[in-house]
Amino acid sequence: MAVPEPQPGIPVVARLMFAPVRLVSKRLAPRLSTRLFQAIWRVIDDESEPPRAEERQPSLPKLAVALALEGACTAIVGGLLDHVTRREFARLTGRWPSRRAKS
């Protein structure tokens, strides 16, 4: 059986179907990453809240760790959630939701 050629892109209808899924995913990711960051920070320092850049005199090493950890949580949760929603959309519709088809 011959493998069909990849199509030049995803049809407009499929992109429109994926749009609400993507919007929900983009709204959910920051909430999940904040919860993950707070849970990890409680393991690191159960005594105090994570330092913020707006504070007058935060400990610079502690601030750097908090900011790096928060950024990592945001990137990881956002990327994983985006990939999982795309994978499940493709499983349900048979099409990977992207503008260009991978050759």
PDB file of N, CA and C in Angstrom:
ATOM      1  N   MET A   1       0.849  -1.171   0.000  1.00  0.00           N
ATOM      2  CA  MET A   1       0.000   0.000   0.000  1.00  0.00           C
ATOM      3  C   MET A   1       0.896   1.236   0.000  1.00  0.00           C
ATOM      4  N   ALA A   2       0.621   2.195  -0.842  1.00  0.00           N
ATOM      5  CA  ALA A   2       1.427   3.402  -0.973  1.00  0.00           C
ATOM      6  C   ALA A   2       1.095   4.381   0.146  1.00  0.00           C
ATOM      7  N   VAL A   3       2.126   5.047   0.601  1.00  0.00           N
ATOM      8  CA  VAL A   3       1.941   6.084   1.626  1.00  0.00           C
ATOM      9  C   VAL A   3       1.538   7.366   0.922  1.00  0.00           C
ATOM     10  N   PRO A   4       0.444   8.010   1.345  1.00  0.00           N
ATOM     11  CA  PRO A   4       0.026   9.243   0.685  1.00  0.00           C
ATOM     12  C   PRO A   4       1.055  10.353   0.882  1.00  0.00           C
ATOM     13  N   GLU A   5       1.159  11.189  -0.121  1.00  0.00           N
ATOM     14  CA  GLU A   5       2.069  12.329  -0.051  1.00  0.00           C
ATOM     15  C   GLU A   5       1.590  13.296   1.027  1.00  0.00           C
ATOM     16  N   PRO A   6       2.530  13.928   1.742  1.00  0.00           N
ATOM     17  CA  PRO A   6       2.091  14.922   2.716  1.00  0.00           C
ATOM     18  C   PRO A   6       1.430  16.097   2.010  1.00  0.00           C
ATOM     19  N   GLN A   7       0.353  16.548   2.592  1.00  0.00           N
ATOM     20  CA  GLN A   7      -0.379  17.658   2.016  1.00  0.00           C
ATOM     21  C   GLN A   7       0.308  18.973   2.372  1.00  0.00           C
ATOM     22  N   PRO A   8       0.156  20.004   1.547  1.00  0.00           N
ATOM     23  CA  PRO A   8       0.891  21.245   1.777  1.00  0.00           C
ATOM     24  C   PRO A   8       0.534  21.957   3.069  1.00  0.00           C
ATOM     25  N   GLY A   9      -0.559  21.684   3.668  1.00  0.00           N
ATOM     26  CA  GLY A   9      -0.938  22.342   4.914  1.00  0.00           C
ATOM     27  C   GLY A   9      -2.209  21.751   5.463  1.00  0.00           C
ATOM     28  N   ILE A  10      -2.610  22.248   6.574  1.00  0.00           N
ATOM     29  CA  ILE A  10      -3.831  21.770   7.200  1.00  0.00           C
ATOM     30  C   ILE A  10      -5.010  22.589   6.656  1.00  0.00           C
ATOM     31  N   PRO A  11      -6.119  21.939   6.352  1.00  0.00           N
ATOM     32  CA  PRO A  11      -7.267  22.677   5.822  1.00  0.00           C
ATOM     33  C   PRO A  11      -7.772  23.732   6.808  1.00  0.00           C
ATOM     34  N   VAL A  12      -8.424  24.726   6.268  1.00  0.00           N
ATOM     35  CA  VAL A  12      -8.944  25.830   7.082  1.00  0.00           C
ATOM     36  C   VAL A  12      -9.912  25.314   8.136  1.00  0.00           C
ATOM     37  N   VAL A  13     -10.735  24.353   7.779  1.00  0.00           N
ATOM     38  CA  VAL A  13     -11.721  23.810   8.721  1.00  0.00           C
ATOM     39  C   VAL A  13     -11.017  23.186   9.919  1.00  0.00           C
ATOM     40  N   ALA A  14      -9.957  22.429   9.680  1.00  0.00           N
ATOM     41  CA  ALA A  14      -9.228  21.813  10.786  1.00  0.00           C
ATOM     42  C   ALA A  14      -8.554  22.871  11.653  1.00  0.00           C
ATOM     43  N   ARG A  15      -8.018  23.923  11.030  1.00  0.00           N
ATOM     44  CA  ARG A  15      -7.413  25.008  11.815  1.00  0.00           C
ATOM     45  C   ARG A  15      -8.460  25.696  12.672  1.00  0.00           C
ATOM     46  N   LEU A  16      -9.648  25.879  12.113  1.00  0.00           N
ATOM     47  CA  LEU A  16     -10.728  26.499  12.888  1.00  0.00           C
ATOM     48  C   LEU A  16     -11.181  25.589  14.030  1.00  0.00           C
ATOM     49  N   MET A  17     -11.161  24.284  13.795  1.00  0.00           N
ATOM     50  CA  MET A  17     -11.533  23.341  14.851  1.00  0.00           C
ATOM     51  C   MET A  17     -10.487  23.341  15.973  1.00  0.00           C
ATOM     52  N   PHE A  18      -9.222  23.535  15.620  1.00  0.00           N
ATOM     53  CA  PHE A  18      -8.162  23.503  16.622  1.00  0.00           C
ATOM     54  C   PHE A  18      -8.062  24.816  17.408  1.00  0.00           C
ATOM     55  N   ALA A  19      -8.562  25.909  16.854  1.00  0.00           N
ATOM     56  CA  ALA A  19      -8.431  27.223  17.486  1.00  0.00           C
ATOM     57  C   ALA A  19      -8.965  27.254  18.929  1.00  0.00           C
ATOM     58  N   PRO A  20     -10.175  26.770  19.219  1.00  0.00           N
ATOM     59  CA  PRO A  20     -10.639  26.823  20.611  1.00  0.00           C
ATOM     60  C   PRO A  20      -9.823  25.914  21.533  1.00  0.00           C
ATOM     61  N   VAL A  21      -9.366  24.799  21.001  1.00  0.00           N
ATOM     62  CA  VAL A  21      -8.537  23.902  21.802  1.00  0.00           C
ATOM     63  C   VAL A  21      -7.243  24.612  22.189  1.00  0.00           C
ATOM     64  N   ARG A  22      -6.651  25.306  21.237  1.00  0.00           N
ATOM     65  CA  ARG A  22      -5.407  26.029  21.492  1.00  0.00           C
ATOM     66  C   ARG A  22      -5.632  27.172  22.483  1.00  0.00           C
ATOM     67  N   LEU A  23      -6.738  27.885  22.353  1.00  0.00           N
ATOM     68  CA  LEU A  23      -7.030  28.981  23.286  1.00  0.00           C
ATOM     69  C   LEU A  23      -7.157  28.476  24.719  1.00  0.00           C
ATOM     70  N   VAL A  24      -7.864  27.381  24.904  1.00  0.00           N
ATOM     71  CA  VAL A  24      -8.015  26.812  26.248  1.00  0.00           C
ATOM     72  C   VAL A  24      -6.656  26.376  26.781  1.00  0.00           C
ATOM     73  N   SER A  25      -5.863  25.753  25.929  1.00  0.00           N
ATOM     74  CA  SER A  25      -4.529  25.310  26.322  1.00  0.00           C
ATOM     75  C   SER A  25      -3.663  26.489  26.752  1.00  0.00           C
ATOM     76  N   LYS A  26      -3.710  27.578  25.990  1.00  0.00           N
ATOM     77  CA  LYS A  26      -2.901  28.765  26.308  1.00  0.00           C
ATOM     78  C   LYS A  26      -3.366  29.445  27.593  1.00  0.00           C
ATOM     79  N   ARG A  27      -4.641  29.329  27.920  1.00  0.00           N
ATOM     80  CA  ARG A  27      -5.149  29.919  29.165  1.00  0.00           C
ATOM     81  C   ARG A  27      -4.851  29.030  30.368  1.00  0.00           C
ATOM     82  N   LEU A  28      -4.791  27.740  30.151  1.00  0.00           N
ATOM     83  CA  LEU A  28      -4.573  26.792  31.235  1.00  0.00           C
ATOM     84  C   LEU A  28      -3.102  26.670  31.625  1.00  0.00           C
ATOM     85  N   ALA A  29      -2.199  26.802  30.679  1.00  0.00           N
ATOM     86  CA  ALA A  29      -0.767  26.600  30.918  1.00  0.00           C
ATOM     87  C   ALA A  29      -0.198  27.496  32.023  1.00  0.00           C
ATOM     88  N   PRO A  30      -0.465  28.807  32.036  1.00  0.00           N
ATOM     89  CA  PRO A  30       0.100  29.637  33.118  1.00  0.00           C
ATOM     90  C   PRO A  30      -0.397  29.243  34.505  1.00  0.00           C
ATOM     91  N   ARG A  31      -1.633  28.841  34.592  1.00  0.00           N
ATOM     92  CA  ARG A  31      -2.170  28.417  35.899  1.00  0.00           C
ATOM     93  C   ARG A  31      -1.479  27.152  36.386  1.00  0.00           C
ATOM     94  N   LEU A  32      -1.313  26.196  35.483  1.00  0.00           N
ATOM     95  CA  LEU A  32      -0.646  24.951  35.861  1.00  0.00           C
ATOM     96  C   LEU A  32       0.824  25.190  36.199  1.00  0.00           C
ATOM     97  N   SER A  33       1.495  26.043  35.436  1.00  0.00           N
ATOM     98  CA  SER A  33       2.910  26.291  35.707  1.00  0.00           C
ATOM     99  C   SER A  33       3.090  27.040  37.029  1.00  0.00           C
ATOM    100  N   THR A  34       2.171  27.922  37.377  1.00  0.00           N
ATOM    101  CA  THR A  34       2.242  28.618  38.666  1.00  0.00           C
ATOM    102  C   THR A  34       2.099  27.628  39.814  1.00  0.00           C
ATOM    103  N   ARG A  35       1.175  26.711  39.683  1.00  0.00           N
ATOM    104  CA  ARG A  35       1.000  25.697  40.734  1.00  0.00           C
ATOM    105  C   ARG A  35       2.229  24.801  40.860  1.00  0.00           C
ATOM    106  N   LEU A  36       2.800  24.424  39.727  1.00  0.00           N
ATOM    107  CA  LEU A  36       4.010  23.606  39.759  1.00  0.00           C
ATOM    108  C   LEU A  36       5.152  24.360  40.417  1.00  0.00           C
ATOM    109  N   PHE A  37       5.344  25.624  40.040  1.00  0.00           N
ATOM    110  CA  PHE A  37       6.405  26.441  40.626  1.00  0.00           C
ATOM    111  C   PHE A  37       6.223  26.571  42.134  1.00  0.00           C
ATOM    112  N   GLN A  38       5.016  26.855  42.587  1.00  0.00           N
ATOM    113  CA  GLN A  38       4.765  27.004  44.016  1.00  0.00           C
ATOM    114  C   GLN A  38       5.025  25.703  44.773  1.00  0.00           C
ATOM    115  N   ALA A  39       4.655  24.578  44.178  1.00  0.00           N
ATOM    116  CA  ALA A  39       4.901  23.290  44.822  1.00  0.00           C
ATOM    117  C   ALA A  39       6.397  22.997  44.930  1.00  0.00           C
ATOM    118  N   ILE A  40       7.136  23.288  43.874  1.00  0.00           N
ATOM    119  CA  ILE A  40       8.586  23.062  43.910  1.00  0.00           C
ATOM    120  C   ILE A  40       9.242  24.037  44.879  1.00  0.00           C
ATOM    121  N   TRP A  41       8.772  25.281  44.910  1.00  0.00           N
ATOM    122  CA  TRP A  41       9.380  26.257  45.814  1.00  0.00           C
ATOM    123  C   TRP A  41       9.163  25.865  47.273  1.00  0.00           C
ATOM    124  N   ARG A  42       8.012  25.288  47.590  1.00  0.00           N
ATOM    125  CA  ARG A  42       7.762  24.833  48.961  1.00  0.00           C
ATOM    126  C   ARG A  42       8.765  23.762  49.375  1.00  0.00           C
ATOM    127  N   VAL A  43       9.219  22.955  48.421  1.00  0.00           N
ATOM    128  CA  VAL A  43      10.243  21.947  48.722  1.00  0.00           C
ATOM    129  C   VAL A  43      11.589  22.628  48.975  1.00  0.00           C
ATOM    130  N   ILE A  44      11.887  23.659  48.198  1.00  0.00           N
ATOM    131  CA  ILE A  44      13.161  24.371  48.335  1.00  0.00           C
ATOM    132  C   ILE A  44      13.196  25.192  49.621  1.00  0.00           C
ATOM    133  N   ASP A  45      12.157  25.989  49.859  1.00  0.00           N
ATOM    134  CA  ASP A  45      12.122  26.876  51.025  1.00  0.00           C
ATOM    135  C   ASP A  45      10.698  26.948  51.547  1.00  0.00           C
ATOM    136  N   ASP A  46      10.430  26.146  52.553  1.00  0.00           N
ATOM    137  CA  ASP A  46       9.085  26.081  53.114  1.00  0.00           C
ATOM    138  C   ASP A  46       8.786  27.277  54.010  1.00  0.00           C
ATOM    139  N   GLU A  47       9.821  27.997  54.403  1.00  0.00           N
ATOM    140  CA  GLU A  47       9.671  29.098  55.351  1.00  0.00           C
ATOM    141  C   GLU A  47       9.116  30.372  54.730  1.00  0.00           C
ATOM    142  N   SER A  48       9.515  30.679  53.497  1.00  0.00           N
ATOM    143  CA  SER A  48       9.149  31.985  52.936  1.00  0.00           C
ATOM    144  C   SER A  48       8.645  31.857  51.504  1.00  0.00           C
ATOM    145  N   GLU A  49       8.009  32.926  51.076  1.00  0.00           N
ATOM    146  CA  GLU A  49       7.540  33.015  49.697  1.00  0.00           C
ATOM    147  C   GLU A  49       8.747  33.218  48.774  1.00  0.00           C
ATOM    148  N   PRO A  50       8.604  32.877  47.505  1.00  0.00           N
ATOM    149  CA  PRO A  50       9.723  33.128  46.589  1.00  0.00           C
ATOM    150  C   PRO A  50       9.974  34.626  46.437  1.00  0.00           C
ATOM    151  N   PRO A  51      11.225  35.029  46.335  1.00  0.00           N
ATOM    152  CA  PRO A  51      11.510  36.455  46.182  1.00  0.00           C
ATOM    153  C   PRO A  51      11.043  36.959  44.815  1.00  0.00           C
ATOM    154  N   ARG A  52      10.691  38.209  44.756  1.00  0.00           N
ATOM    155  CA  ARG A  52      10.247  38.842  43.517  1.00  0.00           C
ATOM    156  C   ARG A  52      11.188  39.996  43.179  1.00  0.00           C
ATOM    157  N   ALA A  53      11.305  40.302  41.915  1.00  0.00           N
ATOM    158  CA  ALA A  53      12.195  41.368  41.466  1.00  0.00           C
ATOM    159  C   ALA A  53      11.753  42.730  41.991  1.00  0.00           C
ATOM    160  N   GLU A  54      10.471  42.889  42.293  1.00  0.00           N
ATOM    161  CA  GLU A  54       9.957  44.173  42.773  1.00  0.00           C
ATOM    162  C   GLU A  54      10.336  44.451  44.216  1.00  0.00           C
ATOM    163  N   GLU A  55      10.779  43.441  44.950  1.00  0.00           N
ATOM    164  CA  GLU A  55      11.140  43.627  46.353  1.00  0.00           C
ATOM    165  C   GLU A  55      12.368  44.521  46.464  1.00  0.00           C
ATOM    166  N   ARG A  56      12.445  45.223  47.566  1.00  0.00           N
ATOM    167  CA  ARG A  56      13.513  46.206  47.736  1.00  0.00           C
ATOM    168  C   ARG A  56      14.895  45.566  47.819  1.00  0.00           C
ATOM    169  N   GLN A  57      15.053  44.541  48.636  1.00  0.00           N
ATOM    170  CA  GLN A  57      16.374  43.927  48.789  1.00  0.00           C
ATOM    171  C   GLN A  57      16.267  42.405  48.858  1.00  0.00           C
ATOM    172  N   PRO A  58      15.942  41.773  47.741  1.00  0.00           N
ATOM    173  CA  PRO A  58      15.916  40.310  47.772  1.00  0.00           C
ATOM    174  C   PRO A  58      17.348  39.761  47.709  1.00  0.00           C
ATOM    175  N   SER A  59      17.523  38.576  48.196  1.00  0.00           N
ATOM    176  CA  SER A  59      18.812  37.895  48.052  1.00  0.00           C
ATOM    177  C   SER A  59      18.983  37.585  46.560  1.00  0.00           C
ATOM    178  N   LEU A  60      20.050  38.102  45.948  1.00  0.00           N
ATOM    179  CA  LEU A  60      20.220  37.931  44.507  1.00  0.00           C
ATOM    180  C   LEU A  60      20.349  36.466  44.090  1.00  0.00           C
ATOM    181  N   PRO A  61      21.122  35.641  44.801  1.00  0.00           N
ATOM    182  CA  PRO A  61      21.162  34.223  44.396  1.00  0.00           C
ATOM    183  C   PRO A  61      19.791  33.542  44.516  1.00  0.00           C
ATOM    184  N   LYS A  62      19.080  33.847  45.587  1.00  0.00           N
ATOM    185  CA  LYS A  62      17.756  33.250  45.786  1.00  0.00           C
ATOM    186  C   LYS A  62      16.778  33.750  44.716  1.00  0.00           C
ATOM    187  N   LEU A  63      16.871  35.040  44.376  1.00  0.00           N
ATOM    188  CA  LEU A  63      16.028  35.598  43.321  1.00  0.00           C
ATOM    189  C   LEU A  63      16.337  34.938  41.982  1.00  0.00           C
ATOM    190  N   ALA A  64      17.618  34.737  41.689  1.00  0.00           N
ATOM    191  CA  ALA A  64      18.004  34.102  40.423  1.00  0.00           C
ATOM    192  C   ALA A  64      17.467  32.682  40.335  1.00  0.00           C
ATOM    193  N   VAL A  65      17.547  31.937  41.430  1.00  0.00           N
ATOM    194  CA  VAL A  65      17.018  30.562  41.443  1.00  0.00           C
ATOM    195  C   VAL A  65      15.506  30.579  41.240  1.00  0.00           C
ATOM    196  N   ALA A  66      14.828  31.478  41.917  1.00  0.00           N
ATOM    197  CA  ALA A  66      13.365  31.555  41.803  1.00  0.00           C
ATOM    198  C   ALA A  66      12.943  31.916  40.388  1.00  0.00           C
ATOM    199  N   LEU A  67      13.613  32.890  39.787  1.00  0.00           N
ATOM    200  CA  LEU A  67      13.257  33.303  38.428  1.00  0.00           C
ATOM    201  C   LEU A  67      13.563  32.216  37.408  1.00  0.00           C
ATOM    202  N   ALA A  68      14.707  31.555  37.568  1.00  0.00           N
ATOM    203  CA  ALA A  68      15.060  30.467  36.649  1.00  0.00           C
ATOM    204  C   ALA A  68      14.072  29.309  36.773  1.00  0.00           C
ATOM    205  N   LEU A  69      13.722  28.967  37.996  1.00  0.00           N
ATOM    206  CA  LEU A  69      12.776  27.874  38.217  1.00  0.00           C
ATOM    207  C   LEU A  69      11.391  28.226  37.678  1.00  0.00           C
ATOM    208  N   GLU A  70      10.973  29.462  37.890  1.00  0.00           N
ATOM    209  CA  GLU A  70       9.664  29.886  37.382  1.00  0.00           C
ATOM    210  C   GLU A  70       9.641  29.867  35.854  1.00  0.00           C
ATOM    211  N   GLY A  71      10.713  30.332  35.225  1.00  0.00           N
ATOM    212  CA  GLY A  71      10.798  30.302  33.763  1.00  0.00           C
ATOM    213  C   GLY A  71      10.817  28.891  33.218  1.00  0.00           C
ATOM    214  N   ALA A  72      11.545  28.009  33.897  1.00  0.00           N
ATOM    215  CA  ALA A  72      11.602  26.613  33.458  1.00  0.00           C
ATOM    216  C   ALA A  72      10.232  25.955  33.579  1.00  0.00           C
ATOM    217  N   CYS A  73       9.534  26.207  34.667  1.00  0.00           N
ATOM    218  CA  CYS A  73       8.192  25.632  34.846  1.00  0.00           C
ATOM    219  C   CYS A  73       7.243  26.133  33.755  1.00  0.00           C
ATOM    220  N   THR A  74       7.324  27.421  33.445  1.00  0.00           N
ATOM    221  CA  THR A  74       6.466  27.998  32.412  1.00  0.00           C
ATOM    222  C   THR A  74       6.749  27.361  31.054  1.00  0.00           C
ATOM    223  N   ALA A  75       8.022  27.233  30.707  1.00  0.00           N
ATOM    224  CA  ALA A  75       8.384  26.660  29.406  1.00  0.00           C
ATOM    225  C   ALA A  75       8.008  25.181  29.319  1.00  0.00           C
ATOM    226  N   ILE A  76       8.275  24.443  30.363  1.00  0.00           N
ATOM    227  CA  ILE A  76       7.995  23.004  30.347  1.00  0.00           C
ATOM    228  C   ILE A  76       6.495  22.743  30.268  1.00  0.00           C
ATOM    229  N   VAL A  77       5.729  23.365  31.143  1.00  0.00           N
ATOM    230  CA  VAL A  77       4.276  23.131  31.155  1.00  0.00           C
ATOM    231  C   VAL A  77       3.643  23.610  29.850  1.00  0.00           C
ATOM    232  N   GLY A  78       4.037  24.787  29.372  1.00  0.00           N
ATOM    233  CA  GLY A  78       3.476  25.307  28.121  1.00  0.00           C
ATOM    234  C   GLY A  78       3.789  24.409  26.936  1.00  0.00           C
ATOM    235  N   GLY A  79       5.042  23.970  26.834  1.00  0.00           N
ATOM    236  CA  GLY A  79       5.432  23.101  25.728  1.00  0.00           C
ATOM    237  C   GLY A  79       4.765  21.748  25.770  1.00  0.00           C
ATOM    238  N   LEU A  80       4.731  21.142  26.957  1.00  0.00           N
ATOM    239  CA  LEU A  80       4.092  19.831  27.073  1.00  0.00           C
ATOM    240  C   LEU A  80       2.591  19.902  26.812  1.00  0.00           C
ATOM    241  N   LEU A  81       1.937  20.917  27.343  1.00  0.00           N
ATOM    242  CA  LEU A  81       0.498  21.047  27.127  1.00  0.00           C
ATOM    243  C   LEU A  81       0.181  21.297  25.654  1.00  0.00           C
ATOM    244  N   ASP A  82       0.994  22.123  24.989  1.00  0.00           N
ATOM    245  CA  ASP A  82       0.799  22.372  23.563  1.00  0.00           C
ATOM    246  C   ASP A  82       0.966  21.080  22.764  1.00  0.00           C
ATOM    247  N   HIS A  83       2.003  20.315  23.080  1.00  0.00           N
ATOM    248  CA  HIS A  83       2.242  19.076  22.345  1.00  0.00           C
ATOM    249  C   HIS A  83       1.126  18.053  22.592  1.00  0.00           C
ATOM    250  N   VAL A  84       0.704  17.919  23.838  1.00  0.00           N
ATOM    251  CA  VAL A  84      -0.348  16.945  24.165  1.00  0.00           C
ATOM    252  C   VAL A  84      -1.662  17.313  23.484  1.00  0.00           C
ATOM    253  N   THR A  85      -2.013  18.604  23.476  1.00  0.00           N
ATOM    254  CA  THR A  85      -3.264  18.980  22.812  1.00  0.00           C
ATOM    255  C   THR A  85      -3.179  18.733  21.311  1.00  0.00           C
ATOM    256  N   ARG A  86      -2.015  19.005  20.707  1.00  0.00           N
ATOM    257  CA  ARG A  86      -1.849  18.728  19.273  1.00  0.00           C
ATOM    258  C   ARG A  86      -1.917  17.225  18.986  1.00  0.00           C
ATOM    259  N   ARG A  87      -1.278  16.434  19.839  1.00  0.00           N
ATOM    260  CA  ARG A  87      -1.282  14.987  19.634  1.00  0.00           C
ATOM    261  C   ARG A  87      -2.698  14.426  19.756  1.00  0.00           C
ATOM    262  N   GLU A  88      -3.437  14.878  20.760  1.00  0.00           N
ATOM    263  CA  GLU A  88      -4.807  14.379  20.925  1.00  0.00           C
ATOM    264  C   GLU A  88      -5.716  14.863  19.795  1.00  0.00           C
ATOM    265  N   PHE A  89      -5.514  16.085  19.330  1.00  0.00           N
ATOM    266  CA  PHE A  89      -6.283  16.587  18.191  1.00  0.00           C
ATOM    267  C   PHE A  89      -6.004  15.724  16.963  1.00  0.00           C
ATOM    268  N   ALA A  90      -4.728  15.399  16.748  1.00  0.00           N
ATOM    269  CA  ALA A  90      -4.370  14.560  15.600  1.00  0.00           C
ATOM    270  C   ALA A  90      -4.955  13.155  15.750  1.00  0.00           C
ATOM    271  N   ARG A  91      -4.982  12.650  16.961  1.00  0.00           N
ATOM    272  CA  ARG A  91      -5.563  11.315  17.192  1.00  0.00           C
ATOM    273  C   ARG A  91      -7.052  11.310  16.866  1.00  0.00           C
ATOM    274  N   LEU A  92      -7.738  12.380  17.228  1.00  0.00           N
ATOM    275  CA  LEU A  92      -9.182  12.451  16.989  1.00  0.00           C
ATOM    276  C   LEU A  92      -9.541  12.785  15.544  1.00  0.00           C
ATOM    277  N   THR A  93      -8.741  13.628  14.888  1.00  0.00           N
ATOM    278  CA  THR A  93      -9.102  14.095  13.546  1.00  0.00           C
ATOM    279  C   THR A  93      -8.281  13.454  12.438  1.00  0.00           C
ATOM    280  N   GLY A  94      -7.144  12.871  12.778  1.00  0.00           N
ATOM    281  CA  GLY A  94      -6.275  12.299  11.757  1.00  0.00           C
ATOM    282  C   GLY A  94      -5.346  13.312  11.114  1.00  0.00           C
ATOM    283  N   ARG A  95      -5.321  14.548  11.598  1.00  0.00           N
ATOM    284  CA  ARG A  95      -4.448  15.597  11.046  1.00  0.00           C
ATOM    285  C   ARG A  95      -3.703  16.297  12.162  1.00  0.00           C
ATOM    286  N   TRP A  96      -2.403  16.499  11.928  1.00  0.00           N
ATOM    287  CA  TRP A  96      -1.577  17.240  12.881  1.00  0.00           C
ATOM    288  C   TRP A  96      -1.848  18.735  12.682  1.00  0.00           C
ATOM    289  N   PRO A  97      -2.201  19.471  13.718  1.00  0.00           N
ATOM    290  CA  PRO A  97      -2.558  20.881  13.572  1.00  0.00           C
ATOM    291  C   PRO A  97      -1.326  21.801  13.478  1.00  0.00           C
ATOM    292  N   SER A  98      -0.866  22.004  12.283  1.00  0.00           N
ATOM    293  CA  SER A  98       0.202  22.978  12.042  1.00  0.00           C
ATOM    294  C   SER A  98      -0.028  23.601  10.682  1.00  0.00           C
ATOM    295  N   ARG A  99       0.597  24.716  10.444  1.00  0.00           N
ATOM    296  CA  ARG A  99       0.400  25.404   9.164  1.00  0.00           C
ATOM    297  C   ARG A  99       1.086  24.674   8.026  1.00  0.00           C
ATOM    298  N   ARG A 100       2.267  24.171   8.277  1.00  0.00           N
ATOM    299  CA  ARG A 100       3.023  23.490   7.221  1.00  0.00           C
ATOM    300  C   ARG A 100       3.133  22.017   7.538  1.00  0.00           C
ATOM    301  N   ALA A 101       3.015  21.204   6.524  1.00  0.00           N
ATOM    302  CA  ALA A 101       3.207  19.769   6.699  1.00  0.00           C
ATOM    303  C   ALA A 101       4.695  19.467   6.734  1.00  0.00           C
ATOM    304  N   LYS A 102       5.087  18.535   7.577  1.00  0.00           N
ATOM    305  CA  LYS A 102       6.489  18.126   7.659  1.00  0.00           C
ATOM    306  C   LYS A 102       6.779  17.167   6.531  1.00  0.00           C
ATOM    307  N   SER A 103       7.854  17.402   5.804  1.00  0.00           N
ATOM    308  CA  SER A 103       8.209  16.536   4.671  1.00  0.00           C
ATOM    309  C   SER A 103       8.972  15.337   5.139  1.00  0.00           C
TER     310      SER A 103
END
